[in-house]
Amino acid sequence: MFALILTGRKVFLTLAVVLLLSFTSISQEWANPRYASIVMDANTGEVLHESSADASRYPASLTKMMTLYMLFEALERGKMTLNTRMPVSAHAASMPQTNIGLRTGETLSVRDAIPALIVRSANDAAAVVAEALGNTESNFGNMMTQKARQLGMTATTFRNASGLP
């Protein structure tokens, strides 16, 4: 009788562990984890660590880096200067937090847009830059995607200057 109870407990524990592991692996397959990471050796390109590195994500503030890259290229080409004033549209003024409180009809200098993007990750400033460089934020998204392709980022698609969904 004791052997049956012990065997029954072993069977129960084994089944419990198998079910727990099954549900864990199923939920990990179906879920798109909130965070992703990748660490590579810069010299060899060897991936040292990765977790959901190829999963699609809304890039949010990371998009501001490409927005800045495009702005710095425009400065380098002489299309803009640090003193260039860019108009604030109703669209740009309506951008959600984080923003710097721009209002329709105001202007934003390139000099002021840079720290707004870097320090505040300001969505309204990103939209102002996008419209100044691409006429519309959507068109600017296409321009950023083209630049990403030139830089070798074949799986990156930009839709806007802020990275918001």
Foldseek 3Di string as FASTA:
>chain_A
DVVVVVVVVVVVVVVVVVVVVVVVVVCLVPDQDPDWDWDADPVPRHTPDTDSNVPDDLPFLVLLVLLVVVVVVCCVVVVAHQADWFFQACVLQPDDPPADNDDHGGTDGNVRLVCCCVPRVHSSSQQRSCCVVQVGQQRSQVVSQVVCVVVVNPPDGGRGSRSDD
